[in-house]
Structures are given as C-alpha cells and as structure tokens.
N, C-alpha and C. Protein backbone atom coordinates (compact mmCIF):
# COMPACT_ATOMS: atom_id res chain seq x y z
N UNK A 1 0.68 -1.31 0.00
CA UNK A 1 -0.50 -0.04 0.17
C UNK A 1 0.95 1.34 -0.04
N UNK A 2 1.52 1.61 -0.85
CA UNK A 2 2.41 2.80 -1.11
C UNK A 2 1.65 3.97 -1.60
N UNK A 3 0.40 3.70 -1.86
CA UNK A 3 -0.39 5.13 -2.35
C UNK A 3 -0.27 6.12 -1.42
N UNK A 4 0.16 7.41 -1.97
CA UNK A 4 0.30 8.54 -1.35
C UNK A 4 -0.74 8.73 -0.30
N UNK A 5 -2.13 8.23 -0.64
CA UNK A 5 -3.21 8.84 0.23
C UNK A 5 -3.10 7.87 1.03
N UNK A 6 -2.71 6.68 1.26
CA UNK A 6 -3.12 5.95 1.87
C UNK A 6 -2.45 5.99 3.42
N UNK A 7 -3.08 4.88 4.17
CA UNK A 7 -2.15 4.61 5.63
C UNK A 7 -0.56 5.19 5.88
N UNK A 8 -0.18 4.21 4.31
CA UNK A 8 1.29 4.32 4.56
C UNK A 8 2.02 5.30 3.56
N UNK A 9 0.88 6.21 3.34
CA UNK A 9 1.37 6.95 2.34
C UNK A 9 1.93 8.53 3.10
N UNK A 10 1.48 9.97 3.11
CA UNK A 10 2.10 10.72 3.68
C UNK A 10 1.81 10.60 5.04
N UNK A 11 2.58 10.94 5.83
CA UNK A 11 2.64 10.90 7.28
C UNK A 11 2.68 12.51 7.64
N UNK A 12 1.85 12.47 9.20
CA UNK A 12 2.17 13.89 9.79
C UNK A 12 2.91 14.32 10.54
N UNK A 13 4.05 13.46 10.51
CA UNK A 13 5.26 13.56 11.30
C UNK A 13 6.19 14.55 10.37
N UNK A 14 7.18 15.00 11.06
CA UNK A 14 7.83 16.09 10.31
C UNK A 14 9.35 14.92 9.88
N UNK A 15 9.88 14.24 10.27
CA UNK A 15 10.39 13.67 9.52
C UNK A 15 10.54 12.20 9.64
N UNK A 16 11.47 11.42 9.06
CA UNK A 16 11.63 9.76 9.07
C UNK A 16 11.73 9.14 10.55
N UNK A 17 11.10 8.32 11.05
CA UNK A 17 11.37 7.31 12.16
C UNK A 17 11.23 6.06 12.25
N UNK A 18 12.29 5.66 13.09
CA UNK A 18 12.81 4.45 13.02
C UNK A 18 12.99 3.87 13.91
N UNK A 19 12.67 2.91 14.63
CA UNK A 19 13.22 2.09 15.80
C UNK A 19 14.39 2.36 16.44
N UNK A 20 15.64 2.37 15.67
CA UNK A 20 16.84 2.46 16.19
C UNK A 20 16.94 4.16 15.80
N UNK A 21 15.95 4.85 15.17
CA UNK A 21 16.46 6.19 14.96
C UNK A 21 17.53 6.48 14.17
N UNK A 22 17.93 5.64 13.27
CA UNK A 22 18.99 6.00 12.43
C UNK A 22 18.32 5.97 10.69
N UNK A 23 19.48 6.32 10.09
CA UNK A 23 18.96 6.18 8.67
C UNK A 23 19.88 5.76 7.88
N UNK A 24 20.21 5.12 7.05
CA UNK A 24 20.60 4.86 6.04
C UNK A 24 21.01 5.65 4.70
N UNK A 25 20.36 6.73 4.50
CA UNK A 25 20.82 7.58 3.42
C UNK A 25 19.78 8.50 3.93
N UNK A 26 20.01 9.75 3.78
CA UNK A 26 19.89 11.41 3.60
C UNK A 26 19.74 12.43 2.59
N UNK A 27 18.87 13.08 1.87
CA UNK A 27 19.65 13.95 1.34
C UNK A 27 18.40 15.33 1.18
N UNK A 28 18.53 16.18 1.30
CA UNK A 28 17.74 17.45 1.32
C UNK A 28 17.75 18.05 -0.02
N UNK A 29 16.66 18.34 -0.72
CA UNK A 29 17.14 18.48 -2.10
C UNK A 29 16.83 20.05 -2.12
N UNK A 30 17.91 20.72 -1.52
CA UNK A 30 18.36 22.20 -1.77
C UNK A 30 18.32 22.63 -3.08
N UNK A 31 17.94 24.12 -3.04
CA UNK A 31 17.68 24.93 -4.20
C UNK A 31 19.57 25.11 -4.52
N UNK A 32 19.66 25.26 -5.92
CA UNK A 32 21.26 25.61 -6.57
C UNK A 32 21.44 26.63 -5.72
N UNK A 33 22.90 26.93 -5.53
CA UNK A 33 23.40 28.48 -4.06
C UNK A 33 23.03 29.36 -5.28
N UNK A 34 23.39 29.85 -6.65
CA UNK A 34 22.99 30.29 -7.20
C UNK A 34 21.77 31.18 -7.18
N UNK A 35 21.02 30.55 -6.83
CA UNK A 35 19.65 31.07 -6.87
C UNK A 35 19.27 31.78 -5.69
N UNK A 36 20.10 31.91 -4.52
CA UNK A 36 20.69 32.83 -3.94
C UNK A 36 21.12 34.75 -4.38
N UNK A 37 21.62 34.17 -5.05
CA UNK A 37 22.46 35.41 -5.82
C UNK A 37 21.56 36.04 -6.80
N UNK A 38 20.50 34.90 -7.45
CA UNK A 38 19.23 35.81 -8.33
C UNK A 38 18.34 36.40 -7.54
N UNK A 39 18.37 35.39 -6.34
CA UNK A 39 17.53 36.48 -4.76
C UNK A 39 17.37 37.84 -4.68
N UNK A 40 18.89 37.87 -4.59
CA UNK A 40 19.52 39.46 -4.11
C UNK A 40 19.25 40.34 -5.28
N UNK A 41 19.47 40.08 -6.34
CA UNK A 41 18.89 40.72 -7.49
C UNK A 41 17.87 41.48 -8.06
N UNK A 42 16.70 40.38 -7.12
CA UNK A 42 15.24 40.40 -7.34
C UNK A 42 14.96 41.01 -6.35
N UNK A 43 15.65 41.05 -4.91
CA UNK A 43 15.24 42.00 -4.05
C UNK A 43 15.45 43.84 -4.58
N UNK A 44 16.72 43.89 -4.93
CA UNK A 44 17.20 44.92 -5.45
C UNK A 44 16.71 45.34 -6.52
N UNK A 45 15.92 44.97 -7.33
CA UNK A 45 15.29 45.63 -8.41
C UNK A 45 14.07 45.59 -8.05
N UNK A 46 13.20 45.02 -6.84
CA UNK A 46 11.63 45.28 -6.56
C UNK A 46 11.81 46.53 -5.52
N UNK A 47 12.64 46.11 -4.63
CA UNK A 47 13.35 46.84 -3.02
C UNK A 47 13.23 48.24 -3.88
N UNK A 48 14.03 48.32 -5.21
CA UNK A 48 14.06 49.76 -5.67
C UNK A 48 12.78 50.28 -6.20
N UNK A 49 12.08 49.67 -6.78
CA UNK A 49 10.63 50.08 -7.10
C UNK A 49 9.64 50.13 -6.12
N UNK A 50 9.85 49.50 -5.11
CA UNK A 50 8.95 50.26 -4.29
C UNK A 50 9.58 51.68 -3.69
N UNK A 51 10.35 51.85 -3.68
CA UNK A 51 11.27 52.63 -3.28
C UNK A 51 10.70 54.17 -3.67
N UNK A 52 10.77 53.73 -5.02
CA UNK A 52 10.80 54.84 -5.91
C UNK A 52 9.06 54.88 -6.20
N UNK A 53 7.99 53.99 -5.91
CA UNK A 53 6.56 54.43 -5.74
C UNK A 53 6.17 55.21 -4.72
N UNK A 54 7.37 55.03 -3.46
CA UNK A 54 7.34 55.45 -2.02
C UNK A 54 7.97 57.23 -2.10
N UNK A 55 8.33 57.79 -3.61
CA UNK A 55 8.91 59.09 -3.44
C UNK A 55 10.03 59.08 -2.53
N UNK A 56 10.85 57.99 -1.88
CA UNK A 56 11.90 57.68 -1.41
C UNK A 56 11.83 58.20 0.21
N UNK A 57 10.39 58.01 0.51
CA UNK A 57 10.66 58.46 1.76
C UNK A 57 10.76 57.14 2.37
N UNK A 58 11.42 57.25 4.15
CA UNK A 58 12.46 56.35 5.15
C UNK A 58 11.59 55.79 4.82
N UNK A 59 9.96 55.39 5.05
CA UNK A 59 9.65 53.67 4.96
C UNK A 59 9.19 53.37 3.58
N UNK A 60 9.95 53.53 2.43
CA UNK A 60 10.11 52.85 1.20
C UNK A 60 11.05 52.00 1.08
N UNK A 61 11.89 52.10 2.17
CA UNK A 61 13.02 51.39 1.47
C UNK A 61 12.82 50.09 2.57
N UNK A 62 11.78 50.22 3.11
CA UNK A 62 10.84 48.69 3.70
C UNK A 62 10.84 47.66 2.82
N UNK A 63 10.42 48.23 1.82
CA UNK A 63 10.56 47.35 0.53
C UNK A 63 11.48 46.41 0.30
N UNK A 64 13.02 46.71 0.45
CA UNK A 64 13.78 45.99 0.03
C UNK A 64 13.85 44.98 1.15
N UNK A 65 13.44 45.54 2.75
CA UNK A 65 13.40 44.14 3.48
C UNK A 65 12.24 43.02 3.66
N UNK A 66 11.26 44.11 3.22
CA UNK A 66 9.95 43.04 2.90
C UNK A 66 10.18 41.86 1.81
N UNK A 67 11.03 42.41 0.43
CA UNK A 67 11.21 41.68 -0.73
C UNK A 67 11.99 40.56 -0.32
N UNK A 68 13.18 40.95 0.60
CA UNK A 68 14.45 40.03 1.14
C UNK A 68 13.71 39.01 1.84
N UNK A 69 12.91 39.07 2.67
CA UNK A 69 12.16 38.18 3.65
C UNK A 69 11.44 37.13 2.73
N UNK A 70 10.62 37.92 1.58
CA UNK A 70 9.65 37.04 0.86
C UNK A 70 10.62 36.22 -0.01
N UNK A 71 11.93 36.55 -0.66
CA UNK A 71 12.44 36.06 -1.35
C UNK A 71 13.45 34.48 -0.31
N UNK A 72 13.61 35.03 0.49
CA UNK A 72 14.30 34.10 1.82
C UNK A 72 13.15 32.49 2.29
N UNK A 73 12.36 33.12 2.38
CA UNK A 73 11.63 31.87 2.55
C UNK A 73 10.65 31.21 1.21
N UNK A 74 10.67 31.86 -0.31
CA UNK A 74 10.21 30.99 -0.81
C UNK A 74 11.30 30.20 -1.45
N UNK A 75 12.89 30.39 -1.52
CA UNK A 75 14.04 29.65 -1.21
C UNK A 75 13.91 28.36 -0.58
N UNK A 76 13.74 28.79 1.16
CA UNK A 76 13.81 27.57 2.19
C UNK A 76 12.62 27.14 1.62
N UNK A 77 11.51 27.11 1.21
CA UNK A 77 10.33 26.39 1.49
C UNK A 77 10.63 25.32 0.12
N UNK A 78 11.24 25.85 -0.92
CA UNK A 78 11.68 24.84 -1.92
C UNK A 78 12.49 23.95 -1.96
N UNK A 79 13.37 24.38 -0.65
CA UNK A 79 14.56 23.91 -0.10
C UNK A 79 14.52 22.26 1.07
N UNK A 80 12.85 22.57 1.34
CA UNK A 80 12.57 21.80 2.63
C UNK A 80 12.76 20.10 2.34
N UNK A 81 11.81 19.72 0.92
CA UNK A 81 12.06 18.57 0.99
C UNK A 81 13.35 17.20 1.26
N UNK A 82 13.03 16.68 1.92
CA UNK A 82 13.87 15.34 2.48
C UNK A 82 13.84 14.25 1.54
N UNK A 83 14.56 13.50 1.27
CA UNK A 83 14.86 11.91 0.80
C UNK A 83 15.42 11.28 1.69
N UNK A 84 15.00 9.97 2.64
CA UNK A 84 15.14 9.27 3.39
C UNK A 84 14.92 8.00 3.45
N UNK A 85 15.69 6.85 3.44
CA UNK A 85 15.59 5.75 3.94
C UNK A 85 16.21 5.06 5.44
N UNK A 86 15.08 4.79 6.16
CA UNK A 86 15.26 4.58 7.36
C UNK A 86 16.04 3.01 7.73
N UNK A 87 16.56 3.15 8.79
CA UNK A 87 17.10 1.60 8.82
C UNK A 87 16.59 0.57 8.72
N UNK A 88 14.96 0.37 8.78
CA UNK A 88 13.98 -1.06 8.46
C UNK A 88 13.90 -0.88 6.82
N UNK A 89 14.57 0.18 5.93
CA UNK A 89 14.27 0.18 4.47
C UNK A 89 13.24 0.91 3.89
N UNK A 90 12.61 1.61 5.01
CA UNK A 90 11.71 2.28 4.33
C UNK A 90 11.69 3.89 3.91
N UNK A 91 11.33 4.03 2.49
CA UNK A 91 11.87 5.50 1.75
C UNK A 91 10.88 6.42 2.48
N UNK A 92 11.28 7.57 2.24
CA UNK A 92 10.68 8.90 3.21
C UNK A 92 11.13 9.67 2.27
N UNK A 93 9.91 10.16 1.23
CA UNK A 93 10.19 11.15 0.31
C UNK A 93 8.96 12.12 0.19
N UNK A 94 9.53 13.70 0.58
CA UNK A 94 8.79 14.39 1.06
C UNK A 94 7.72 13.78 2.53
N UNK A 95 6.76 13.84 2.28
CA UNK A 95 5.76 13.70 3.44
C UNK A 95 5.38 11.72 2.75
N UNK A 96 5.73 11.60 2.02
CA UNK A 96 5.29 10.10 1.96
C UNK A 96 6.03 8.90 1.97
N UNK A 97 5.56 7.85 2.44
CA UNK A 97 6.36 6.48 2.66
C UNK A 97 6.34 5.45 2.00
N UNK A 98 7.12 4.93 1.32
CA UNK A 98 7.17 3.67 0.64
C UNK A 98 8.26 2.39 1.49
N UNK A 99 7.42 1.35 1.87
CA UNK A 99 8.20 0.20 2.70
C UNK A 99 8.73 -0.53 1.46
N UNK A 100 10.05 -0.83 1.50
CA UNK A 100 10.90 -1.50 0.74
C UNK A 100 10.10 -2.73 0.44
N UNK A 101 9.52 -3.66 1.29
CA UNK A 101 8.97 -4.53 0.66
C UNK A 101 7.56 -4.59 -0.38
N UNK A 102 7.78 -3.46 -1.29
CA UNK A 102 6.77 -3.27 -2.16
C UNK A 102 7.61 -2.99 -3.28
N UNK A 103 8.78 -2.33 -3.19
CA UNK A 103 9.81 -2.26 -4.48
C UNK A 103 10.00 -3.74 -4.96
N UNK A 104 9.44 -3.23 -6.54
CA UNK A 104 9.77 -4.84 -7.19
C UNK A 104 11.30 -4.76 -8.14
N UNK A 105 11.24 -3.65 -8.61
CA UNK A 105 12.88 -3.32 -9.32
C UNK A 105 13.01 -1.47 -9.17
N UNK A 106 13.99 -1.09 -9.66
CA UNK A 106 14.17 0.08 -9.62
C UNK A 106 15.48 0.43 -10.57
N UNK A 107 15.39 1.74 -11.02
CA UNK A 107 16.72 2.04 -12.29
C UNK A 107 16.69 3.62 -11.83
N UNK A 108 18.05 3.80 -12.00
CA UNK A 108 18.47 5.53 -11.98
C UNK A 108 17.91 6.17 -13.61
N UNK A 109 17.15 6.88 -13.27
CA UNK A 109 16.99 7.78 -14.40
C UNK A 109 17.99 9.25 -14.63
N UNK A 110 19.16 9.02 -15.72
CA UNK A 110 19.87 10.12 -16.05
C UNK A 110 19.42 11.37 -16.34
N UNK A 111 19.90 12.19 -16.42
CA UNK A 111 19.71 13.48 -17.11
C UNK A 111 19.17 13.76 -18.41
N UNK A 112 19.87 13.02 -19.18
CA UNK A 112 18.98 12.59 -20.70
C UNK A 112 18.10 12.24 -20.89
N UNK A 113 17.81 11.37 -20.00
CA UNK A 113 16.28 10.44 -20.25
C UNK A 113 15.11 11.36 -19.30
N UNK A 114 15.60 12.13 -18.52
CA UNK A 114 14.97 12.83 -17.30
C UNK A 114 13.23 12.99 -18.33
N UNK A 115 13.46 14.01 -19.26
CA UNK A 115 12.21 14.94 -19.78
C UNK A 115 11.85 13.58 -20.05
N UNK A 116 11.95 12.61 -21.32
CA UNK A 116 11.04 11.38 -21.80
C UNK A 116 10.55 11.00 -20.31
N UNK A 117 11.09 10.75 -19.13
CA UNK A 117 10.24 10.03 -17.92
C UNK A 117 9.65 10.60 -17.56
N UNK A 118 9.84 12.35 -17.84
CA UNK A 118 8.28 13.10 -17.39
C UNK A 118 7.31 13.48 -18.25
N UNK A 119 7.63 12.90 -19.52
CA UNK A 119 7.17 13.60 -20.72
C UNK A 119 6.18 12.43 -21.39
N UNK A 120 6.31 12.19 -21.90
CA UNK A 120 5.35 11.29 -23.17
C UNK A 120 5.23 9.73 -22.66
N UNK A 121 6.76 9.40 -21.88
CA UNK A 121 6.64 8.09 -21.01
C UNK A 121 6.00 8.26 -19.36
N UNK A 122 5.58 9.13 -19.10
CA UNK A 122 5.07 9.24 -17.89
C UNK A 122 3.34 8.64 -17.58
N UNK A 123 3.71 7.51 -16.54
CA UNK A 123 2.17 7.01 -16.39
C UNK A 123 1.29 8.26 -15.58
N UNK A 124 0.21 8.56 -15.61
CA UNK A 124 -0.84 9.51 -14.86
C UNK A 124 -0.83 9.24 -13.23
N UNK A 125 -1.01 8.07 -13.48
CA UNK A 125 -0.88 7.64 -11.68
C UNK A 125 0.37 7.28 -10.75
N UNK A 126 1.07 7.42 -11.87
CA UNK A 126 2.81 7.26 -10.99
C UNK A 126 2.50 8.73 -9.61
N UNK A 127 3.26 8.25 -8.72
CA UNK A 127 3.70 9.35 -7.95
C UNK A 127 4.91 9.96 -8.04
N UNK A 128 4.93 11.22 -7.81
CA UNK A 128 6.01 12.05 -8.53
C UNK A 128 6.83 12.86 -7.18
N UNK A 129 8.22 13.03 -6.61
CA UNK A 129 8.37 13.91 -6.09
C UNK A 129 9.87 14.29 -6.66
N UNK A 130 9.43 15.45 -7.54
CA UNK A 130 10.52 15.78 -8.61
C UNK A 130 10.53 17.46 -8.80
N UNK A 131 11.81 17.94 -8.29
CA UNK A 131 12.48 19.28 -8.29
C UNK A 131 13.43 19.24 -9.36
N UNK A 132 12.62 20.66 -10.46
CA UNK A 132 13.49 20.53 -11.87
C UNK A 132 14.81 20.72 -11.65
N UNK A 133 15.20 20.93 -10.46
CA UNK A 133 16.77 21.83 -10.10
C UNK A 133 17.79 20.42 -9.92
N UNK A 134 17.25 19.58 -9.82
CA UNK A 134 18.02 18.26 -10.01
C UNK A 134 17.94 17.45 -11.03
N UNK A 135 18.94 16.89 -11.56
CA UNK A 135 19.31 16.09 -12.44
C UNK A 135 18.92 14.71 -12.96
N UNK A 136 19.11 13.95 -11.68
CA UNK A 136 18.68 12.61 -11.82
C UNK A 136 17.77 12.04 -11.25
N UNK A 137 17.23 11.47 -11.23
CA UNK A 137 16.01 10.71 -10.48
C UNK A 137 16.21 8.86 -10.60
N UNK A 138 15.57 8.55 -9.46
CA UNK A 138 15.11 7.30 -9.33
C UNK A 138 13.84 6.65 -10.06
N UNK A 139 13.82 5.63 -10.76
CA UNK A 139 12.78 5.08 -10.81
C UNK A 139 12.13 4.18 -9.69
N UNK A 140 11.53 3.76 -9.19
CA UNK A 140 11.04 2.59 -8.25
C UNK A 140 9.69 1.97 -8.50
N UNK A 141 9.89 0.91 -9.25
CA UNK A 141 8.35 0.00 -9.67
C UNK A 141 7.82 -0.26 -8.52
N UNK A 142 6.81 -0.40 -8.41
CA UNK A 142 5.81 -0.83 -7.18
C UNK A 142 5.37 -2.52 -7.79
N UNK A 143 5.31 -3.44 -6.91
CA UNK A 143 4.94 -4.76 -6.90
C UNK A 143 4.11 -5.19 -5.79
N UNK A 144 2.97 -4.33 -5.77
CA UNK A 144 1.46 -4.09 -5.17
C UNK A 144 0.26 -4.43 -5.80
N UNK A 145 -0.32 -5.45 -5.65
CA UNK A 145 -1.62 -5.34 -6.64
C UNK A 145 -2.77 -4.51 -5.74
N UNK A 146 -2.68 -3.98 -4.47
CA UNK A 146 -3.83 -3.31 -4.12
C UNK A 146 -3.23 -2.08 -4.42
N UNK A 147 -1.87 -1.50 -5.07
CA UNK A 147 -1.86 -0.22 -5.12
C UNK A 147 -2.07 0.51 -6.63
N UNK A 148 -2.87 1.17 -6.89
CA UNK A 148 -2.95 1.58 -8.17
C UNK A 148 -1.89 2.23 -8.64
N UNK A 149 -0.77 2.77 -7.98
CA UNK A 149 0.15 3.03 -8.50
C UNK A 149 1.49 2.90 -8.89
N UNK A 150 1.52 2.85 -10.34
CA UNK A 150 2.33 1.65 -10.94
C UNK A 150 3.88 1.99 -10.44
N UNK A 151 4.28 3.31 -10.23
CA UNK A 151 5.72 3.48 -9.50
C UNK A 151 6.13 4.77 -9.22
N UNK A 152 7.35 4.78 -8.70
CA UNK A 152 7.24 6.19 -8.23
C UNK A 152 8.52 7.15 -9.04
N UNK A 153 8.82 8.23 -9.07
CA UNK A 153 9.85 8.92 -9.76
C UNK A 153 10.33 9.63 -8.77
N UNK A 154 11.56 9.89 -8.14
CA UNK A 154 11.93 10.95 -6.80
C UNK A 154 13.33 11.30 -7.29
N UNK A 155 13.37 12.56 -7.29
CA UNK A 155 14.52 13.62 -7.38
C UNK A 155 15.73 13.26 -6.77
N UNK A 156 16.80 13.09 -7.00
CA UNK A 156 18.18 12.75 -6.21
C UNK A 156 19.47 13.16 -6.87
N UNK A 157 20.20 13.80 -5.95
CA UNK A 157 21.45 14.13 -6.70
C UNK A 157 22.22 12.70 -6.59
N UNK A 158 22.05 11.41 -6.00
CA UNK A 158 22.76 10.71 -5.53
C UNK A 158 22.00 9.41 -6.01
N UNK A 159 21.73 9.13 -7.11
CA UNK A 159 20.51 7.83 -7.36
C UNK A 159 21.72 6.64 -7.10
N UNK A 160 22.77 6.35 -6.86
CA UNK A 160 23.20 4.98 -6.94
C UNK A 160 23.32 4.81 -5.33
N UNK A 161 23.41 6.02 -4.68
CA UNK A 161 23.41 5.85 -3.10
C UNK A 161 22.22 5.13 -2.55
N UNK A 162 21.14 5.80 -2.71
CA UNK A 162 19.92 5.71 -2.54
C UNK A 162 18.98 4.63 -2.91
N UNK A 163 19.57 3.69 -4.46
CA UNK A 163 19.36 2.19 -4.08
C UNK A 163 20.19 1.21 -3.33
N UNK A 164 21.05 1.79 -3.01
CA UNK A 164 21.96 1.06 -2.70
C UNK A 164 21.51 0.91 -1.33
N UNK A 165 20.99 2.20 -0.28
CA UNK A 165 20.44 2.11 0.67
C UNK A 165 19.17 1.21 0.89
N UNK A 166 18.13 1.21 -0.34
CA UNK A 166 16.95 1.09 -0.63
C UNK A 166 17.07 -0.97 -0.44
N UNK A 167 18.83 -1.41 -0.79
CA UNK A 167 18.89 -2.93 -1.05
C UNK A 167 18.39 -3.31 -2.36
N UNK A 168 18.27 -2.51 -3.27
CA UNK A 168 17.26 -2.78 -4.78
C UNK A 168 18.76 -2.36 -6.14
N UNK A 169 19.05 -3.48 -6.80
CA UNK A 169 19.56 -3.20 -7.73
C UNK A 169 19.24 -2.68 -8.50
N UNK A 170 20.49 -1.45 -9.66
CA UNK A 170 20.11 -0.78 -10.42
C UNK A 170 19.51 -1.31 -11.84
N UNK A 171 18.31 -1.64 -12.41
CA UNK A 171 18.24 -1.91 -13.59
C UNK A 171 19.00 -1.55 -14.92
N UNK A 172 18.88 -0.01 -14.71
CA UNK A 172 19.83 0.18 -15.88
C UNK A 172 21.79 0.10 -15.84
N UNK A 173 21.89 -0.17 -14.73
CA UNK A 173 23.52 -0.52 -14.92
C UNK A 173 23.58 -2.04 -14.76
N UNK A 174 22.37 -2.47 -15.37
CA UNK A 174 22.11 -4.28 -15.64
C UNK A 174 22.17 -4.55 -17.25
N UNK A 175 22.21 -3.57 -17.92
CA UNK A 175 22.28 -3.18 -18.87
C UNK A 175 23.94 -3.31 -19.66
N UNK A 176 24.18 -4.31 -20.00
CA UNK A 176 25.64 -4.02 -20.57
C UNK A 176 25.84 -4.07 -22.00
N UNK A 177 27.51 -3.49 -21.92
CA UNK A 177 27.82 -3.22 -23.26
C UNK A 177 27.66 -4.45 -24.58
N UNK A 178 27.79 -4.58 -25.51
CA UNK A 178 28.12 -5.70 -26.61
C UNK A 178 29.42 -6.11 -25.76
N UNK A 179 29.71 -7.56 -26.50
CA UNK A 179 30.50 -8.19 -25.57
C UNK A 179 31.84 -7.87 -26.86
N UNK A 180 32.81 -7.58 -25.83
CA UNK A 180 34.19 -6.87 -26.65
C UNK A 180 34.62 -7.97 -27.33
N UNK A 181 34.80 -9.52 -27.14
CA UNK A 181 35.23 -10.47 -27.48
C UNK A 181 34.58 -10.81 -29.00
N UNK A 182 33.56 -10.06 -29.20
CA UNK A 182 33.44 -10.27 -30.77
C UNK A 182 33.43 -9.47 -31.57
N UNK A 183 33.97 -9.52 -32.96
CA UNK A 183 34.30 -8.44 -33.76
C UNK A 183 32.86 -7.77 -34.06
N UNK A 184 32.79 -6.61 -34.44
CA UNK A 184 31.45 -5.84 -35.30
C UNK A 184 31.87 -6.35 -36.23
N UNK A 185 30.51 -5.69 -37.31
CA UNK A 185 30.40 -6.05 -38.27
C UNK A 185 31.36 -5.36 -39.27
N UNK A 186 31.91 -4.16 -38.81
CA UNK A 186 32.92 -3.42 -39.59
C UNK A 186 34.32 -3.88 -39.52
N UNK A 187 34.55 -4.66 -38.57
CA UNK A 187 35.80 -5.22 -38.48
C UNK A 187 36.05 -6.63 -39.41
N UNK A 188 34.48 -7.43 -39.30
CA UNK A 188 34.30 -8.31 -40.28
C UNK A 188 34.59 -8.07 -41.57
N UNK A 189 33.99 -7.06 -42.43
CA UNK A 189 34.20 -6.60 -43.77
C UNK A 189 35.45 -6.42 -43.86
N UNK A 190 36.15 -5.53 -42.80
CA UNK A 190 37.53 -5.18 -42.91
C UNK A 190 38.67 -6.18 -43.43
N UNK A 191 38.45 -7.32 -42.26
CA UNK A 191 38.91 -8.29 -42.48
C UNK A 191 38.82 -9.29 -43.41
N UNK A 192 37.75 -9.29 -44.37
CA UNK A 192 38.00 -9.98 -45.64
C UNK A 192 38.42 -9.46 -46.64
N UNK A 193 38.70 -8.02 -46.37
CA UNK A 193 39.35 -7.59 -47.91
C UNK A 193 40.52 -7.89 -48.41
C-alpha cells in the first residue's frame, strides 16, 4: 500500500522515524546556491521599485526588507524536501512513505532521459517527488496488486547511494555493453578484404 494517500502514504510527522533512530540515506533537495544570487537581484530591483513608488520616503526602504524576507522564505520552502531511507528500509520522500517490501525493481534515470520519463512516457497514476533543479532521478517500480500507483519517480542527486540504501539493484546498470570479445560488422568486413 504505497499510495501516498493511504495509511502508509504521507505522514503527519515532520521526519522519518525508525526504531533505532538511524537512517541509511538522507538527502535534502536544496535549490542551487546561485538562486540566492538571483534572489538578491530580485530584492534589489523590486525594493528599488517600491522605494521609487514611495517617493524615496523613509518607509519606502522597507520594500527591500520585505522583498528580501519573501525571497528567503520562497528559497527555504523550496529546499525543505527531504529524501531518506530508514534503518528498516522504508523510503521517505517528502511526506510520503514507501515500504521496501513493495518495490519490485528500480533504475536510475539520468539527466538525458529525465524529460522522456516525465513527458511522453509518464504514467498519470505515477507518484512524483520532482524538483526541476535536480538532474537525476530514481524509478521505483511497485509490486503491490492493491496499489494503483505503478511506480514512483524521486529526484535525487545521489541515485546510486539511494538504491544501495534501499537494497535494490539498479536495472540501468544491468544493461551491459556489447561483448568486447566479438568482432563488429565493420571489423568483419575489413578483415575479409
């Protein structure tokens, strides 16, 4: 029952809990550092506009303070998402929980395949914890006949570590390159000349 709206779905707790209190994997999905620089630029431009509209009175400079506080709150709220794996193997992604027992297989979604996974290949019933500023994701295919959710897509900067903490092999790594011991078609043609 990994459906985010079910009993094992979003919890009202503020963080992961486990009997031992330990976690195998933990990652906070922070926004990039340079977004802070962009927030400073926005603060300067908007604060200046507010100051101009106040005809440069003393209270007009409160626009800088208000805009800075608003930008800081937006960046903080966007960076609150946390992905953890508890000691018992349960995945916590944002407020949703996924027991290890219902994960059938998993794969890393590289940055080059992310748009396809979130676009034309996306199942509308899938559960997403997506952050656009994070390039890689993991795909967790569920093996739970009682759950209509076919899979989870979770953003992470460290997909291999997350899958290792879950104890699930990466299906993307199972795809091997062609056997180096066999000659390619081009080698065979050039050897026959």
